[in-house]
Structure formats: C-alpha cells, structure tokens
Amino acid sequence: MIAVPIWAGLYLSVVAGFAIWSVVDDVRQGDSRARVIADVVAMSILGFLFVGYFIPSLADPLGRVAAPLFLAAFLWTGIAAQREIVEENDDPDLSPRANFVAEHIGIAVGVIAFSPLIAYAGMAALQLWQTGG
C-alpha cells in the first residue's frame, strides 16, 4: 500500500489550515478575486505535488507539465509573500525596532514553515520532468 507518511499528512493539514485562514483573511481585507484565486491555485499545485512525491502514480499524469506548474506556483507564492510583507502594518504599540524584529521573525517562520512543501513539491516536479511522466 502506498501512502503519505503520517508526518507529511499532519504537516500538509497544518499548511492547508494556514492557507485557508490566509485566503479568508485576504477576502475579508478586500483583496482582488484574481489574487485570491491565484493564491488558491498556487497552494493547490504545491500541495498536489507534495502528495505526488509520496504517491508518484497520483502525479504521473502531469508528466513534464509538472515542472512549469511548480515554477509558476513557486514564483506566485514568493510574489504573494512579498506583497503580504509590504502591505503589513506596523503595530503602533511596539517600537520601530520591535516591529522590525517581529517582521523578520515572521518572515523566518514563514520560510521554515513552507520550505518542506516547496522542497518536496519541487522534487516531485523534477522527477516527473526527468522521467517524462
């Protein structure tokens, strides 16, 4: 039986929960529908490829298309993260230095949290590219 390891399923559940929360927050803040849809599509592609790393038969039908899909999702995720950072408002109760530290801690946590998703999705896309599907 081919299955996703327990840790990967738990990790993906946490990432999915965060992604859903982020989409709901974006909608509440009035972000454009195109941005919200692009976020959902990008996260869905990364999640699908993440699972496809552990269950290759699931992602095999994508073949070489997986690589450009991964690259597009990866680039959009970076663009969206940069936009979120730029649009983030400072906390008026904190000093400028504390806001700076909080912002950079948030960036580090985001990078650490999403690195496994991007790494495994990228490995799945690379495998599909090398084998041709």
Protein backbone atom coordinates (compact mmCIF):
# COMPACT_ATOMS: atom_id res chain seq x y z
CA MET A 1 0.00 0.00 0.00
CA ILE A 2 1.35 3.38 -1.00
CA ALA A 3 0.61 6.12 1.48
CA VAL A 4 1.74 9.52 2.60
CA PRO A 5 3.79 9.28 5.82
CA ILE A 6 1.95 10.39 8.95
CA TRP A 7 4.25 13.37 9.48
CA ALA A 8 3.65 14.54 5.90
CA GLY A 9 -0.12 14.26 6.28
CA LEU A 10 -0.04 16.21 9.53
CA TYR A 11 2.26 18.82 8.01
CA LEU A 12 0.05 19.20 4.94
CA SER A 13 -3.01 19.56 7.20
CA VAL A 14 -1.33 22.42 9.07
CA VAL A 15 -0.26 24.11 5.85
CA ALA A 16 -3.75 23.68 4.39
CA GLY A 17 -5.28 25.20 7.52
CA PHE A 18 -2.92 28.15 7.31
CA ALA A 19 -3.68 28.57 3.59
CA ILE A 20 -7.43 28.54 4.22
CA TRP A 21 -7.04 31.09 7.02
CA SER A 22 -4.92 33.26 4.72
CA VAL A 23 -7.49 33.13 1.91
CA VAL A 24 -10.33 34.02 4.28
CA ASP A 25 -8.25 36.91 5.65
CA ASP A 26 -7.47 38.14 2.12
CA VAL A 27 -11.16 38.06 1.18
CA ARG A 28 -12.08 39.96 4.36
CA GLN A 29 -9.46 42.60 3.58
CA GLY A 30 -10.93 43.08 0.13
CA ASP A 31 -8.10 41.64 -1.97
CA SER A 32 -8.93 41.19 -5.63
CA ARG A 33 -10.54 37.93 -6.64
CA ALA A 34 -7.76 37.29 -9.13
CA ARG A 35 -5.14 37.41 -6.35
CA VAL A 36 -7.18 35.15 -4.10
CA ILE A 37 -7.77 32.65 -6.91
CA ALA A 38 -4.06 32.72 -7.84
CA ASP A 39 -3.17 32.03 -4.19
CA VAL A 40 -5.57 29.08 -4.03
CA VAL A 41 -4.33 27.64 -7.33
CA ALA A 42 -0.65 28.02 -6.35
CA MET A 43 -1.14 26.37 -2.96
CA SER A 44 -3.21 23.59 -4.55
CA ILE A 45 -0.47 22.87 -7.09
CA LEU A 46 2.19 22.77 -4.39
CA GLY A 47 0.03 20.57 -2.18
CA PHE A 48 -0.77 18.20 -5.04
CA LEU A 49 2.89 17.87 -5.99
CA PHE A 50 3.85 17.41 -2.32
CA VAL A 51 1.50 14.43 -2.11
CA GLY A 52 2.66 13.32 -5.56
CA TYR A 53 6.18 12.95 -4.21
CA PHE A 54 4.96 10.23 -1.84
CA ILE A 55 2.37 8.76 -4.23
CA PRO A 56 4.00 9.08 -7.67
CA SER A 57 1.10 7.44 -9.50
CA LEU A 58 -1.08 10.37 -8.43
CA ALA A 59 1.11 12.98 -10.14
CA ASP A 60 2.32 10.83 -13.07
CA PRO A 61 -0.40 12.07 -15.45
CA LEU A 62 1.08 15.59 -15.23
CA GLY A 63 4.33 14.43 -16.82
CA ARG A 64 6.60 17.28 -17.85
CA VAL A 65 3.84 19.82 -17.24
CA ALA A 66 4.54 19.44 -13.51
CA ALA A 67 7.78 21.45 -13.75
CA PRO A 68 6.29 24.63 -15.24
CA LEU A 69 3.30 24.31 -12.91
CA PHE A 70 5.66 24.07 -9.96
CA LEU A 71 7.71 27.04 -11.15
CA ALA A 72 4.59 29.17 -11.61
CA ALA A 73 3.24 28.20 -8.17
CA PHE A 74 6.63 28.81 -6.55
CA LEU A 75 7.04 32.21 -8.18
CA TRP A 76 3.49 33.26 -7.32
CA THR A 77 3.99 32.17 -3.71
CA GLY A 78 7.10 34.35 -3.49
CA ILE A 79 5.32 37.31 -5.08
CA ALA A 80 2.34 36.91 -2.77
CA ALA A 81 4.58 36.64 0.31
CA GLN A 82 6.44 39.80 -0.69
CA ARG A 83 3.12 41.60 -1.18
CA GLU A 84 1.94 40.49 2.25
CA ILE A 85 5.15 41.73 3.85
CA VAL A 86 4.96 45.11 2.13
CA GLU A 87 1.30 45.60 2.98
CA GLU A 88 1.72 44.60 6.62
CA ASN A 89 1.07 47.47 9.01
CA ASP A 90 3.32 48.12 11.97
CA ASP A 91 1.88 47.61 15.43
CA PRO A 92 1.54 51.08 17.00
CA ASP A 93 2.07 49.59 20.47
CA LEU A 94 5.57 48.43 19.52
CA SER A 95 8.70 50.46 18.96
CA PRO A 96 10.14 50.64 15.43
CA ARG A 97 12.86 48.19 16.47
CA ALA A 98 10.33 45.73 17.92
CA ASN A 99 8.23 45.97 14.74
CA PHE A 100 11.37 45.29 12.69
CA VAL A 101 12.21 42.24 14.80
CA ALA A 102 8.62 40.95 14.70
CA GLU A 103 8.51 41.33 10.92
CA HIS A 104 11.75 39.41 10.45
CA ILE A 105 10.73 36.67 12.86
CA GLY A 106 7.50 36.31 10.86
CA ILE A 107 9.47 36.03 7.64
CA ALA A 108 11.76 33.37 9.14
CA VAL A 109 8.80 31.36 10.47
CA GLY A 110 7.11 31.55 7.06
CA VAL A 111 10.23 30.34 5.25
CA ILE A 112 10.73 27.49 7.72
CA ALA A 113 7.05 26.51 7.60
CA PHE A 114 6.78 26.40 3.80
CA SER A 115 10.23 25.02 2.94
CA PRO A 116 9.21 21.32 3.18
CA LEU A 117 6.15 21.94 0.99
CA ILE A 118 8.22 23.66 -1.68
CA ALA A 119 11.10 21.19 -1.45
CA TYR A 120 9.00 18.03 -1.80
CA ALA A 121 6.80 19.58 -4.49
CA GLY A 122 9.93 20.61 -6.37
CA MET A 123 11.43 17.12 -6.08
CA ALA A 124 8.21 15.62 -7.43
CA ALA A 125 8.19 18.06 -10.35
CA LEU A 126 11.87 17.31 -11.08
CA GLN A 127 11.26 13.56 -11.01
CA LEU A 128 8.37 13.96 -13.42
CA TRP A 129 10.46 16.17 -15.69
CA GLN A 130 13.34 13.67 -15.74
CA THR A 131 11.14 10.64 -16.38
CA GLY A 132 8.80 12.43 -18.74
CA GLY A 133 5.82 11.38 -16.63
